[in-house]
């Protein structure tokens, strides 16, 4: 999922970005209405979070103009006003949802995930997700808090195996059999590949998700 945050307040924008990151989605920013509208009309965004109260071109005008130009992005209003009149005005302009600020990062993240589920077609590819890590098995793509991670086919296979068995310790032999088949030096081969995978997944200081069970194997949690 690709999300555009149109918000002039820096703190609110960072707040929204944190929620987007928790979902493992991509995130772009616009600091004012005109920039946001330009990105909406040029970019291929699945969801846009649009602040209502911006100087110059306001959020409602952004939504109205985007809809008039055929934008199909899911547009969610961000507003500090919760009156029925405000909600109705936003929905009339073409908004798909109306979110009232302040909204916690956790709630916004859950809202975004709910929106994403509605947007994904029934024939959706298999996707595994945990702790900001999103793995699309069909397209062989991996993201951590929205940032792409390049994995080799073996690393991808290793990660998928561990994620599908989340919380369960897999022995060195089990991992080797599933990822490589019969090999020599099972322990060293598995350990070396897990080490490389860990480094890629932990880029940017992200928390560890692959844990060592001494003398046994590894567990994803």
N, C-alpha and C. Protein backbone atom coordinates (compact mmCIF):
# COMPACT_ATOMS: atom_id res chain seq x y z
N UNK A 1 0.83 -1.19 0.00
CA UNK A 1 0.00 0.00 0.00
C UNK A 1 0.88 1.26 0.00
N UNK A 2 0.44 2.26 -0.74
CA UNK A 2 1.17 3.52 -0.82
C UNK A 2 0.28 4.62 -0.27
N UNK A 3 0.78 5.33 0.74
CA UNK A 3 -0.03 6.32 1.45
C UNK A 3 0.58 7.71 1.29
N UNK A 4 -0.27 8.69 1.03
CA UNK A 4 0.15 10.09 0.96
C UNK A 4 -0.44 10.83 2.16
N UNK A 5 0.41 11.51 2.91
CA UNK A 5 -0.03 12.32 4.04
C UNK A 5 0.07 13.79 3.65
N UNK A 6 -1.08 14.48 3.62
CA UNK A 6 -1.12 15.90 3.28
C UNK A 6 -1.41 16.65 4.58
N UNK A 7 -0.39 17.23 5.15
CA UNK A 7 -0.49 17.81 6.50
C UNK A 7 0.56 18.90 6.67
N UNK A 8 0.14 20.10 7.06
CA UNK A 8 1.09 21.20 7.20
C UNK A 8 1.78 21.23 8.57
N UNK A 9 1.19 20.58 9.56
CA UNK A 9 1.78 20.55 10.89
C UNK A 9 2.80 19.41 10.98
N UNK A 10 4.05 19.76 11.29
CA UNK A 10 5.13 18.78 11.29
C UNK A 10 4.88 17.64 12.27
N UNK A 11 4.44 17.97 13.48
CA UNK A 11 4.22 16.95 14.50
C UNK A 11 3.11 15.99 14.08
N UNK A 12 2.03 16.55 13.53
CA UNK A 12 0.92 15.70 13.08
C UNK A 12 1.35 14.81 11.92
N UNK A 13 2.20 15.36 11.03
CA UNK A 13 2.68 14.58 9.89
C UNK A 13 3.55 13.42 10.37
N UNK A 14 4.42 13.67 11.34
CA UNK A 14 5.27 12.61 11.89
C UNK A 14 4.43 11.56 12.61
N UNK A 15 3.39 12.00 13.27
CA UNK A 15 2.45 11.11 13.96
C UNK A 15 1.81 10.15 12.95
N UNK A 16 1.33 10.73 11.84
CA UNK A 16 0.70 9.92 10.80
C UNK A 16 1.71 8.97 10.16
N UNK A 17 2.94 9.46 9.95
CA UNK A 17 3.97 8.62 9.34
C UNK A 17 4.29 7.41 10.21
N UNK A 18 4.28 7.60 11.52
CA UNK A 18 4.54 6.48 12.43
C UNK A 18 3.47 5.42 12.30
N UNK A 19 2.22 5.85 12.15
CA UNK A 19 1.12 4.90 11.98
C UNK A 19 1.23 4.15 10.66
N UNK A 20 1.60 4.88 9.60
CA UNK A 20 1.78 4.24 8.30
C UNK A 20 2.91 3.23 8.37
N UNK A 21 4.00 3.61 9.05
CA UNK A 21 5.13 2.71 9.19
C UNK A 21 4.79 1.44 9.93
N UNK A 22 3.94 1.53 10.94
CA UNK A 22 3.52 0.36 11.70
C UNK A 22 2.80 -0.66 10.82
N UNK A 23 2.16 -0.16 9.77
CA UNK A 23 1.45 -1.05 8.85
C UNK A 23 2.38 -1.65 7.81
N UNK A 24 3.60 -1.11 7.71
CA UNK A 24 4.52 -1.58 6.68
C UNK A 24 4.24 -0.98 5.32
N UNK A 25 3.50 0.12 5.27
CA UNK A 25 3.15 0.75 4.01
C UNK A 25 4.17 1.83 3.63
N UNK A 26 4.23 2.16 2.35
CA UNK A 26 5.05 3.28 1.89
C UNK A 26 4.37 4.58 2.28
N UNK A 27 5.16 5.63 2.46
CA UNK A 27 4.59 6.91 2.88
C UNK A 27 5.29 8.07 2.20
N UNK A 28 4.51 8.96 1.57
CA UNK A 28 5.01 10.21 1.02
C UNK A 28 4.33 11.36 1.74
N UNK A 29 4.94 12.55 1.68
CA UNK A 29 4.41 13.71 2.40
C UNK A 29 4.18 14.90 1.47
N UNK A 30 3.21 15.71 1.84
CA UNK A 30 3.00 17.01 1.22
C UNK A 30 2.74 17.99 2.35
N UNK A 31 3.41 19.14 2.33
CA UNK A 31 3.32 20.09 3.44
C UNK A 31 2.23 21.14 3.26
N UNK A 32 1.57 21.14 2.10
CA UNK A 32 0.46 22.07 1.90
C UNK A 32 -0.50 21.48 0.87
N UNK A 33 -1.65 22.14 0.71
CA UNK A 33 -2.68 21.61 -0.16
C UNK A 33 -2.29 21.52 -1.62
N UNK A 34 -1.60 22.54 -2.11
CA UNK A 34 -1.24 22.54 -3.53
C UNK A 34 -0.24 21.42 -3.85
N UNK A 35 0.73 21.26 -3.00
CA UNK A 35 1.69 20.17 -3.20
C UNK A 35 0.99 18.82 -3.11
N UNK A 36 0.08 18.71 -2.15
CA UNK A 36 -0.66 17.46 -1.98
C UNK A 36 -1.52 17.12 -3.18
N UNK A 37 -2.20 18.13 -3.71
CA UNK A 37 -3.05 17.90 -4.88
C UNK A 37 -2.21 17.48 -6.07
N UNK A 38 -1.07 18.14 -6.26
CA UNK A 38 -0.19 17.78 -7.37
C UNK A 38 0.27 16.33 -7.27
N UNK A 39 0.66 15.90 -6.07
CA UNK A 39 1.10 14.52 -5.89
C UNK A 39 -0.06 13.54 -6.08
N UNK A 40 -1.23 13.92 -5.61
CA UNK A 40 -2.40 13.05 -5.77
C UNK A 40 -2.70 12.79 -7.24
N UNK A 41 -2.61 13.85 -8.04
CA UNK A 41 -2.96 13.72 -9.45
C UNK A 41 -1.86 13.05 -10.27
N UNK A 42 -0.62 13.10 -9.78
CA UNK A 42 0.49 12.50 -10.51
C UNK A 42 0.83 11.10 -10.01
N UNK A 43 0.66 10.87 -8.72
CA UNK A 43 1.10 9.62 -8.12
C UNK A 43 0.03 8.55 -8.12
N UNK A 44 0.48 7.33 -7.82
CA UNK A 44 -0.42 6.18 -7.77
C UNK A 44 -0.60 5.78 -6.31
N UNK A 45 -1.39 6.55 -5.58
CA UNK A 45 -1.57 6.32 -4.15
C UNK A 45 -2.83 5.52 -3.87
N UNK A 46 -2.73 4.61 -2.92
CA UNK A 46 -3.90 3.83 -2.50
C UNK A 46 -4.74 4.58 -1.48
N UNK A 47 -4.07 5.29 -0.58
CA UNK A 47 -4.73 6.02 0.50
C UNK A 47 -4.08 7.39 0.65
N UNK A 48 -4.91 8.40 0.93
CA UNK A 48 -4.38 9.72 1.26
C UNK A 48 -5.05 10.20 2.54
N UNK A 49 -4.24 10.68 3.48
CA UNK A 49 -4.74 11.30 4.70
C UNK A 49 -4.63 12.80 4.51
N UNK A 50 -5.78 13.49 4.51
CA UNK A 50 -5.81 14.91 4.14
C UNK A 50 -6.27 15.76 5.32
N UNK A 51 -5.39 16.65 5.77
CA UNK A 51 -5.76 17.58 6.84
C UNK A 51 -6.69 18.65 6.26
N UNK A 52 -7.72 19.00 7.02
CA UNK A 52 -8.69 19.99 6.55
C UNK A 52 -8.16 21.41 6.66
N UNK A 53 -7.55 21.71 7.81
CA UNK A 53 -7.17 23.09 8.11
C UNK A 53 -5.74 23.39 7.69
N UNK A 54 -5.57 23.71 6.42
CA UNK A 54 -4.26 24.09 5.90
C UNK A 54 -4.38 25.47 5.27
N UNK A 55 -3.33 26.29 5.39
CA UNK A 55 -3.37 27.61 4.75
C UNK A 55 -3.37 27.47 3.23
N UNK A 56 -3.96 28.46 2.56
CA UNK A 56 -4.03 28.38 1.11
C UNK A 56 -5.11 27.41 0.67
N UNK A 57 -4.73 26.43 -0.11
CA UNK A 57 -5.68 25.44 -0.58
C UNK A 57 -6.00 24.46 0.55
N UNK A 58 -7.22 24.51 1.06
CA UNK A 58 -7.61 23.67 2.18
C UNK A 58 -7.87 22.23 1.79
N UNK A 59 -8.01 21.39 2.79
CA UNK A 59 -8.20 19.97 2.55
C UNK A 59 -9.45 19.62 1.77
N UNK A 60 -10.56 20.30 2.06
CA UNK A 60 -11.80 20.02 1.32
C UNK A 60 -11.66 20.37 -0.15
N UNK A 61 -10.95 21.47 -0.44
CA UNK A 61 -10.72 21.84 -1.84
C UNK A 61 -9.81 20.84 -2.54
N UNK A 62 -8.84 20.32 -1.80
CA UNK A 62 -7.96 19.29 -2.36
C UNK A 62 -8.78 18.07 -2.75
N UNK A 63 -9.65 17.64 -1.85
CA UNK A 63 -10.48 16.45 -2.10
C UNK A 63 -11.43 16.69 -3.27
N UNK A 64 -12.10 17.84 -3.26
CA UNK A 64 -13.05 18.14 -4.33
C UNK A 64 -12.36 18.18 -5.69
N UNK A 65 -11.22 18.86 -5.76
CA UNK A 65 -10.50 18.98 -7.04
C UNK A 65 -9.96 17.63 -7.49
N UNK A 66 -9.45 16.86 -6.55
CA UNK A 66 -8.92 15.53 -6.90
C UNK A 66 -10.02 14.65 -7.48
N UNK A 67 -11.19 14.67 -6.86
CA UNK A 67 -12.31 13.87 -7.36
C UNK A 67 -12.77 14.38 -8.73
N UNK A 68 -12.77 15.69 -8.91
CA UNK A 68 -13.18 16.24 -10.20
C UNK A 68 -12.22 15.84 -11.32
N UNK A 69 -10.99 15.55 -10.96
CA UNK A 69 -10.00 15.12 -11.95
C UNK A 69 -9.91 13.59 -12.04
N UNK A 70 -10.84 12.91 -11.40
CA UNK A 70 -10.91 11.46 -11.54
C UNK A 70 -10.03 10.66 -10.61
N UNK A 71 -9.49 11.28 -9.56
CA UNK A 71 -8.64 10.54 -8.62
C UNK A 71 -9.43 9.43 -7.94
N UNK A 72 -8.87 8.23 -7.90
CA UNK A 72 -9.55 7.08 -7.30
C UNK A 72 -8.95 6.68 -5.95
N UNK A 73 -8.02 7.45 -5.49
CA UNK A 73 -7.38 7.20 -4.19
C UNK A 73 -8.41 7.25 -3.06
N UNK A 74 -8.25 6.39 -2.08
CA UNK A 74 -9.10 6.42 -0.89
C UNK A 74 -8.69 7.66 -0.08
N UNK A 75 -9.61 8.61 0.07
CA UNK A 75 -9.31 9.88 0.72
C UNK A 75 -9.92 9.93 2.11
N UNK A 76 -9.08 10.03 3.11
CA UNK A 76 -9.54 10.11 4.50
C UNK A 76 -9.21 11.48 5.07
N UNK A 77 -10.23 12.16 5.57
CA UNK A 77 -10.06 13.47 6.16
C UNK A 77 -9.45 13.35 7.56
N UNK A 78 -8.53 14.27 7.87
CA UNK A 78 -8.01 14.43 9.23
C UNK A 78 -8.46 15.79 9.72
N UNK A 79 -9.25 15.83 10.79
CA UNK A 79 -9.77 17.11 11.27
C UNK A 79 -9.91 17.11 12.78
N UNK A 80 -9.74 18.29 13.36
CA UNK A 80 -9.93 18.44 14.80
C UNK A 80 -11.39 18.74 15.14
N UNK A 81 -12.23 18.85 14.12
CA UNK A 81 -13.65 19.12 14.31
C UNK A 81 -14.46 17.85 14.09
N UNK A 82 -15.38 17.58 15.01
CA UNK A 82 -16.14 16.33 14.94
C UNK A 82 -17.64 16.54 14.74
N UNK A 83 -18.04 17.76 14.35
CA UNK A 83 -19.46 18.02 14.18
C UNK A 83 -20.02 17.28 12.97
N UNK A 84 -21.33 17.01 13.02
CA UNK A 84 -21.98 16.33 11.90
C UNK A 84 -21.85 17.15 10.62
N UNK A 85 -21.95 18.47 10.75
CA UNK A 85 -21.86 19.34 9.57
C UNK A 85 -20.50 19.20 8.89
N UNK A 86 -19.44 19.15 9.70
CA UNK A 86 -18.09 19.01 9.16
C UNK A 86 -17.92 17.66 8.46
N UNK A 87 -18.41 16.62 9.10
CA UNK A 87 -18.31 15.29 8.51
C UNK A 87 -19.05 15.22 7.18
N UNK A 88 -20.26 15.74 7.18
CA UNK A 88 -21.08 15.71 5.97
C UNK A 88 -20.42 16.49 4.85
N UNK A 89 -19.84 17.66 5.19
CA UNK A 89 -19.17 18.47 4.18
C UNK A 89 -18.02 17.70 3.54
N UNK A 90 -17.23 17.03 4.37
CA UNK A 90 -16.12 16.25 3.85
C UNK A 90 -16.57 15.12 2.95
N UNK A 91 -17.59 14.41 3.38
CA UNK A 91 -18.09 13.28 2.59
C UNK A 91 -18.71 13.76 1.29
N UNK A 92 -19.37 14.89 1.33
CA UNK A 92 -19.96 15.44 0.11
C UNK A 92 -18.91 15.83 -0.91
N UNK A 93 -17.77 16.30 -0.43
CA UNK A 93 -16.68 16.69 -1.33
C UNK A 93 -16.01 15.48 -1.98
N UNK A 94 -16.30 14.29 -1.46
CA UNK A 94 -15.71 13.09 -2.04
C UNK A 94 -14.81 12.31 -1.12
N UNK A 95 -14.77 12.71 0.17
CA UNK A 95 -13.96 11.95 1.13
C UNK A 95 -14.59 10.59 1.38
N UNK A 96 -13.75 9.59 1.61
CA UNK A 96 -14.23 8.24 1.90
C UNK A 96 -14.36 7.98 3.39
N UNK A 97 -13.66 8.78 4.19
CA UNK A 97 -13.67 8.56 5.63
C UNK A 97 -13.35 9.89 6.32
N UNK A 98 -13.68 9.97 7.60
CA UNK A 98 -13.47 11.20 8.37
C UNK A 98 -12.88 10.82 9.71
N UNK A 99 -11.62 11.17 9.93
CA UNK A 99 -10.92 10.81 11.16
C UNK A 99 -10.70 12.06 12.00
N UNK A 100 -11.07 11.98 13.26
CA UNK A 100 -11.00 13.14 14.15
C UNK A 100 -9.70 13.14 14.94
N UNK A 101 -8.99 14.26 14.90
CA UNK A 101 -7.77 14.45 15.68
C UNK A 101 -8.11 15.03 17.05
N UNK A 102 -7.34 14.70 18.08
CA UNK A 102 -6.17 13.81 18.04
C UNK A 102 -6.58 12.34 17.97
N UNK A 103 -5.79 11.58 17.24
CA UNK A 103 -6.02 10.14 17.11
C UNK A 103 -4.70 9.44 17.41
N UNK A 104 -4.73 8.42 18.21
CA UNK A 104 -3.49 7.74 18.60
C UNK A 104 -2.85 7.03 17.41
N UNK A 105 -1.55 6.83 17.50
CA UNK A 105 -0.84 6.12 16.44
C UNK A 105 -1.40 4.72 16.27
N UNK A 106 -1.68 4.04 17.37
CA UNK A 106 -2.22 2.68 17.30
C UNK A 106 -3.57 2.65 16.60
N UNK A 107 -4.46 3.59 16.95
CA UNK A 107 -5.78 3.60 16.33
C UNK A 107 -5.68 3.92 14.84
N UNK A 108 -4.85 4.91 14.51
CA UNK A 108 -4.69 5.27 13.10
C UNK A 108 -4.12 4.11 12.31
N UNK A 109 -3.17 3.39 12.90
CA UNK A 109 -2.60 2.22 12.24
C UNK A 109 -3.67 1.17 11.97
N UNK A 110 -4.52 0.91 12.96
CA UNK A 110 -5.60 -0.06 12.79
C UNK A 110 -6.60 0.40 11.74
N UNK A 111 -6.88 1.69 11.72
CA UNK A 111 -7.79 2.23 10.71
C UNK A 111 -7.22 2.03 9.31
N UNK A 112 -5.93 2.31 9.16
CA UNK A 112 -5.28 2.15 7.86
C UNK A 112 -5.29 0.69 7.41
N UNK A 113 -5.06 -0.22 8.34
CA UNK A 113 -5.09 -1.64 8.00
C UNK A 113 -6.49 -2.07 7.58
N UNK A 114 -7.51 -1.53 8.25
CA UNK A 114 -8.89 -1.85 7.89
C UNK A 114 -9.22 -1.33 6.50
N UNK A 115 -8.74 -0.12 6.20
CA UNK A 115 -8.95 0.45 4.87
C UNK A 115 -8.26 -0.41 3.82
N UNK A 116 -7.02 -0.81 4.12
CA UNK A 116 -6.26 -1.63 3.17
C UNK A 116 -6.96 -2.94 2.87
N UNK A 117 -7.56 -3.55 3.89
CA UNK A 117 -8.27 -4.81 3.67
C UNK A 117 -9.45 -4.62 2.72
N UNK A 118 -10.10 -3.48 2.82
CA UNK A 118 -11.23 -3.22 1.94
C UNK A 118 -10.78 -2.95 0.50
N UNK A 119 -9.58 -2.39 0.37
CA UNK A 119 -9.10 -2.04 -0.96
C UNK A 119 -8.52 -3.22 -1.73
N UNK A 120 -8.00 -4.20 -1.00
CA UNK A 120 -7.36 -5.35 -1.65
C UNK A 120 -8.42 -6.27 -2.23
N UNK A 121 -8.31 -6.65 -3.51
CA UNK A 121 -9.29 -7.55 -4.12
C UNK A 121 -9.28 -8.93 -3.50
N UNK A 122 -10.35 -9.68 -3.75
CA UNK A 122 -10.47 -11.03 -3.18
C UNK A 122 -9.33 -11.94 -3.61
N UNK A 123 -8.81 -11.70 -4.80
CA UNK A 123 -7.74 -12.54 -5.33
C UNK A 123 -6.37 -12.01 -4.89
N UNK A 124 -6.31 -11.51 -3.66
CA UNK A 124 -5.09 -10.88 -3.19
C UNK A 124 -3.96 -11.90 -3.05
N UNK A 125 -2.72 -11.45 -3.25
CA UNK A 125 -1.58 -12.35 -3.10
C UNK A 125 -1.36 -12.67 -1.63
N UNK A 126 -0.60 -13.72 -1.37
CA UNK A 126 -0.32 -14.08 0.02
C UNK A 126 0.68 -13.10 0.61
N UNK A 127 0.31 -12.52 1.72
CA UNK A 127 1.16 -11.53 2.38
C UNK A 127 1.33 -11.91 3.85
N UNK A 128 2.57 -11.91 4.31
CA UNK A 128 2.87 -12.15 5.72
C UNK A 128 3.31 -10.83 6.34
N UNK A 129 2.85 -10.55 7.55
CA UNK A 129 3.25 -9.29 8.19
C UNK A 129 3.39 -9.46 9.69
N UNK A 130 4.39 -8.78 10.23
CA UNK A 130 4.63 -8.79 11.67
C UNK A 130 5.66 -7.72 12.02
N UNK A 131 5.37 -6.91 13.03
CA UNK A 131 6.30 -5.91 13.55
C UNK A 131 6.86 -5.01 12.45
N UNK A 132 5.98 -4.50 11.61
CA UNK A 132 6.40 -3.60 10.55
C UNK A 132 7.01 -4.28 9.35
N UNK A 133 7.12 -5.59 9.40
CA UNK A 133 7.70 -6.37 8.29
C UNK A 133 6.56 -6.92 7.44
N UNK A 134 6.58 -6.60 6.16
CA UNK A 134 5.54 -7.06 5.24
C UNK A 134 6.20 -7.80 4.08
N UNK A 135 5.82 -9.05 3.91
CA UNK A 135 6.39 -9.91 2.87
C UNK A 135 5.29 -10.33 1.91
N UNK A 136 5.42 -9.91 0.66
CA UNK A 136 4.49 -10.32 -0.38
C UNK A 136 5.12 -11.50 -1.11
N UNK A 137 4.57 -12.67 -0.87
CA UNK A 137 5.18 -13.89 -1.39
C UNK A 137 5.05 -13.98 -2.91
N UNK A 138 3.92 -13.52 -3.44
CA UNK A 138 3.70 -13.62 -4.89
C UNK A 138 4.62 -12.70 -5.68
N UNK A 139 4.86 -11.50 -5.17
CA UNK A 139 5.70 -10.55 -5.91
C UNK A 139 7.15 -10.57 -5.43
N UNK A 140 7.42 -11.39 -4.40
CA UNK A 140 8.78 -11.50 -3.85
C UNK A 140 9.33 -10.15 -3.41
N UNK A 141 8.49 -9.37 -2.72
CA UNK A 141 8.92 -8.08 -2.21
C UNK A 141 8.82 -8.06 -0.69
N UNK A 142 9.75 -7.34 -0.08
CA UNK A 142 9.80 -7.24 1.38
C UNK A 142 9.96 -5.78 1.77
N UNK A 143 9.19 -5.36 2.78
CA UNK A 143 9.32 -4.01 3.31
C UNK A 143 9.34 -4.06 4.84
N UNK A 144 10.11 -3.17 5.43
CA UNK A 144 10.14 -3.03 6.89
C UNK A 144 9.83 -1.59 7.21
N UNK A 145 8.70 -1.37 7.87
CA UNK A 145 8.21 -0.03 8.16
C UNK A 145 8.20 0.84 6.91
N UNK A 146 7.76 0.22 5.81
CA UNK A 146 7.60 0.94 4.56
C UNK A 146 8.82 1.00 3.68
N UNK A 147 9.97 0.63 4.20
CA UNK A 147 11.22 0.70 3.43
C UNK A 147 11.51 -0.63 2.74
N UNK A 148 11.80 -0.61 1.43
CA UNK A 148 12.06 -1.86 0.71
C UNK A 148 13.36 -2.52 1.17
N UNK A 149 13.36 -3.83 1.19
CA UNK A 149 14.54 -4.62 1.55
C UNK A 149 14.81 -5.62 0.44
N UNK A 150 16.01 -5.61 -0.09
CA UNK A 150 16.37 -6.54 -1.16
C UNK A 150 16.89 -7.85 -0.56
N UNK A 151 16.20 -8.93 -0.86
CA UNK A 151 16.61 -10.25 -0.39
C UNK A 151 16.89 -11.17 -1.56
N UNK A 152 17.86 -12.04 -1.39
CA UNK A 152 18.11 -13.07 -2.39
C UNK A 152 16.99 -14.10 -2.32
N UNK A 153 16.84 -14.94 -3.34
CA UNK A 153 15.79 -15.97 -3.30
C UNK A 153 15.91 -16.87 -2.06
N UNK A 154 17.12 -17.21 -1.66
CA UNK A 154 17.30 -18.06 -0.48
C UNK A 154 16.90 -17.31 0.79
N UNK A 155 17.30 -16.06 0.88
CA UNK A 155 16.94 -15.27 2.06
C UNK A 155 15.43 -15.11 2.15
N UNK A 156 14.80 -14.92 1.00
CA UNK A 156 13.34 -14.80 0.96
C UNK A 156 12.70 -16.10 1.45
N UNK A 157 13.20 -17.21 0.97
CA UNK A 157 12.65 -18.51 1.35
C UNK A 157 12.84 -18.75 2.84
N UNK A 158 14.00 -18.36 3.36
CA UNK A 158 14.30 -18.51 4.78
C UNK A 158 13.36 -17.66 5.63
N UNK A 159 13.16 -16.41 5.22
CA UNK A 159 12.29 -15.51 5.97
C UNK A 159 10.85 -16.00 5.98
N UNK A 160 10.37 -16.44 4.83
CA UNK A 160 8.99 -16.94 4.73
C UNK A 160 8.80 -18.15 5.64
N UNK A 161 9.77 -19.05 5.64
CA UNK A 161 9.69 -20.25 6.49
C UNK A 161 9.58 -19.85 7.96
N UNK A 162 10.42 -18.93 8.39
CA UNK A 162 10.41 -18.51 9.79
C UNK A 162 9.11 -17.79 10.16
N UNK A 163 8.63 -16.92 9.26
CA UNK A 163 7.41 -16.17 9.55
C UNK A 163 6.18 -17.07 9.58
N UNK A 164 6.16 -18.07 8.71
CA UNK A 164 5.01 -18.99 8.70
C UNK A 164 4.98 -19.85 9.97
N UNK A 165 6.11 -19.94 10.63
CA UNK A 165 6.20 -20.71 11.87
C UNK A 165 6.47 -19.80 13.06
N UNK A 166 5.89 -18.61 13.03
CA UNK A 166 6.10 -17.61 14.07
C UNK A 166 5.85 -18.20 15.47
N UNK A 167 6.82 -17.97 16.36
CA UNK A 167 6.69 -18.45 17.73
C UNK A 167 7.15 -19.88 17.94
N UNK A 168 7.51 -20.55 16.86
CA UNK A 168 7.94 -21.95 16.95
C UNK A 168 9.42 -22.05 16.61
N UNK A 169 10.18 -22.72 17.46
CA UNK A 169 11.61 -22.90 17.20
C UNK A 169 11.82 -23.92 16.10
N UNK A 170 12.55 -23.52 15.06
CA UNK A 170 12.89 -24.43 13.97
C UNK A 170 14.36 -24.83 14.12
N UNK A 171 14.63 -26.11 14.06
CA UNK A 171 16.00 -26.60 14.21
C UNK A 171 16.82 -26.27 12.97
N UNK A 172 18.14 -26.34 13.13
CA UNK A 172 19.03 -26.12 11.99
C UNK A 172 18.70 -27.08 10.85
N UNK A 173 18.47 -28.33 11.18
CA UNK A 173 18.17 -29.34 10.15
C UNK A 173 16.86 -29.04 9.44
N UNK A 174 15.85 -28.64 10.19
CA UNK A 174 14.56 -28.33 9.58
C UNK A 174 14.68 -27.16 8.62
N UNK A 175 15.40 -26.13 9.04
CA UNK A 175 15.60 -24.97 8.18
C UNK A 175 16.37 -25.36 6.92
N UNK A 176 17.44 -26.10 7.10
CA UNK A 176 18.25 -26.51 5.95
C UNK A 176 17.44 -27.34 4.97
N UNK A 177 16.67 -28.28 5.46
CA UNK A 177 15.87 -29.14 4.59
C UNK A 177 14.88 -28.34 3.75
N UNK A 178 14.25 -27.34 4.35
CA UNK A 178 13.24 -26.56 3.64
C UNK A 178 13.84 -25.53 2.68
N UNK A 179 14.99 -24.98 3.03
CA UNK A 179 15.56 -23.90 2.24
C UNK A 179 16.58 -24.38 1.21
N UNK A 180 17.40 -25.37 1.58
CA UNK A 180 18.46 -25.83 0.68
C UNK A 180 18.32 -27.28 0.25
N UNK A 181 17.67 -28.08 1.04
CA UNK A 181 17.69 -29.52 0.79
C UNK A 181 18.93 -30.10 1.46
N UNK A 182 19.32 -31.32 1.10
CA UNK A 182 20.48 -31.96 1.73
C UNK A 182 21.76 -31.15 1.50
N UNK A 183 22.43 -30.75 2.58
CA UNK A 183 23.68 -30.00 2.48
C UNK A 183 24.62 -30.45 3.60
N UNK A 184 25.92 -30.16 3.41
CA UNK A 184 26.90 -30.39 4.46
C UNK A 184 27.02 -29.13 5.32
N UNK A 185 27.62 -29.26 6.46
CA UNK A 185 27.85 -28.12 7.36
C UNK A 185 26.57 -27.34 7.61
N UNK A 186 25.53 -28.06 7.99
CA UNK A 186 24.21 -27.46 8.17
C UNK A 186 24.26 -26.24 9.09
N UNK A 187 24.87 -26.40 10.26
CA UNK A 187 24.88 -25.32 11.24
C UNK A 187 25.51 -24.04 10.74
N UNK A 188 26.68 -24.15 10.11
CA UNK A 188 27.38 -22.96 9.65
C UNK A 188 26.66 -22.29 8.48
N UNK A 189 26.10 -23.08 7.58
CA UNK A 189 25.37 -22.52 6.43
C UNK A 189 24.14 -21.76 6.90
N UNK A 190 23.36 -22.39 7.77
CA UNK A 190 22.15 -21.75 8.27
C UNK A 190 22.50 -20.49 9.07
N UNK A 191 23.49 -20.59 9.93
CA UNK A 191 23.87 -19.45 10.78
C UNK A 191 24.33 -18.26 9.95
N UNK A 192 25.13 -18.52 8.92
CA UNK A 192 25.64 -17.44 8.08
C UNK A 192 24.51 -16.73 7.35
N UNK A 193 23.57 -17.50 6.85
CA UNK A 193 22.45 -16.90 6.12
C UNK A 193 21.49 -16.16 7.04
N UNK A 194 21.27 -16.70 8.22
CA UNK A 194 20.43 -16.00 9.20
C UNK A 194 21.09 -14.69 9.61
N UNK A 195 22.40 -14.70 9.76
CA UNK A 195 23.13 -13.49 10.14
C UNK A 195 22.96 -12.40 9.10
N UNK A 196 23.09 -12.75 7.82
CA UNK A 196 22.91 -11.76 6.75
C UNK A 196 21.47 -11.25 6.71
N UNK A 197 20.54 -12.16 6.89
CA UNK A 197 19.13 -11.77 6.88
C UNK A 197 18.82 -10.82 8.03
N UNK A 198 19.35 -11.12 9.20
CA UNK A 198 19.13 -10.25 10.36
C UNK A 198 19.62 -8.83 10.10
N UNK A 199 20.80 -8.72 9.51
CA UNK A 199 21.37 -7.39 9.24
C UNK A 199 20.47 -6.59 8.31
N UNK A 200 19.93 -7.25 7.31
CA UNK A 200 19.05 -6.55 6.37
C UNK A 200 17.75 -6.12 7.04
N UNK A 201 17.20 -7.00 7.87
CA UNK A 201 15.93 -6.69 8.52
C UNK A 201 16.09 -5.63 9.62
N UNK A 202 17.29 -5.52 10.16
CA UNK A 202 17.52 -4.58 11.27
C UNK A 202 18.04 -3.23 10.81
N UNK A 203 18.09 -3.00 9.50
CA UNK A 203 18.57 -1.72 8.97
C UNK A 203 17.74 -0.58 9.55
N UNK A 204 18.42 0.49 9.94
CA UNK A 204 17.72 1.63 10.51
C UNK A 204 17.37 1.47 11.97
N UNK A 205 17.92 0.44 12.60
CA UNK A 205 17.69 0.25 14.03
C UNK A 205 16.41 -0.47 14.39
N UNK A 206 15.78 -1.14 13.42
CA UNK A 206 14.54 -1.86 13.69
C UNK A 206 14.81 -3.02 14.65
N UNK A 207 13.81 -3.36 15.44
CA UNK A 207 13.98 -4.40 16.45
C UNK A 207 14.24 -5.77 15.83
N UNK A 208 14.92 -6.61 16.59
CA UNK A 208 15.24 -7.96 16.15
C UNK A 208 13.99 -8.82 16.14
N UNK A 209 13.84 -9.62 15.09
CA UNK A 209 12.67 -10.51 15.00
C UNK A 209 13.06 -11.98 14.91
N UNK A 210 14.32 -12.26 14.57
CA UNK A 210 14.80 -13.64 14.49
C UNK A 210 15.71 -13.89 15.69
N UNK A 211 15.30 -14.80 16.55
CA UNK A 211 16.02 -15.05 17.80
C UNK A 211 16.67 -16.43 17.80
N UNK A 212 17.84 -16.50 18.39
CA UNK A 212 18.59 -17.76 18.48
C UNK A 212 18.13 -18.58 19.68
N UNK A 213 17.91 -19.86 19.44
CA UNK A 213 17.69 -20.81 20.53
C UNK A 213 18.96 -21.64 20.58
N UNK A 214 19.76 -21.41 21.58
CA UNK A 214 21.12 -21.95 21.64
C UNK A 214 21.17 -23.46 21.42
N UNK A 215 22.05 -23.85 20.49
CA UNK A 215 22.30 -25.26 20.14
C UNK A 215 21.09 -25.96 19.52
N UNK A 216 20.06 -25.20 19.19
CA UNK A 216 18.85 -25.81 18.60
C UNK A 216 18.53 -25.22 17.23
N UNK A 217 18.31 -23.91 17.17
CA UNK A 217 17.93 -23.30 15.90
C UNK A 217 17.49 -21.87 16.08
N UNK A 218 16.40 -21.49 15.39
CA UNK A 218 15.94 -20.10 15.40
C UNK A 218 14.43 -20.03 15.51
N UNK A 219 13.97 -18.89 16.03
CA UNK A 219 12.53 -18.66 16.15
C UNK A 219 12.23 -17.22 15.76
N UNK A 220 11.16 -17.04 15.00
CA UNK A 220 10.68 -15.71 14.64
C UNK A 220 9.63 -15.28 15.66
N UNK A 221 9.85 -14.12 16.29
CA UNK A 221 8.86 -13.63 17.25
C UNK A 221 9.03 -12.14 17.49
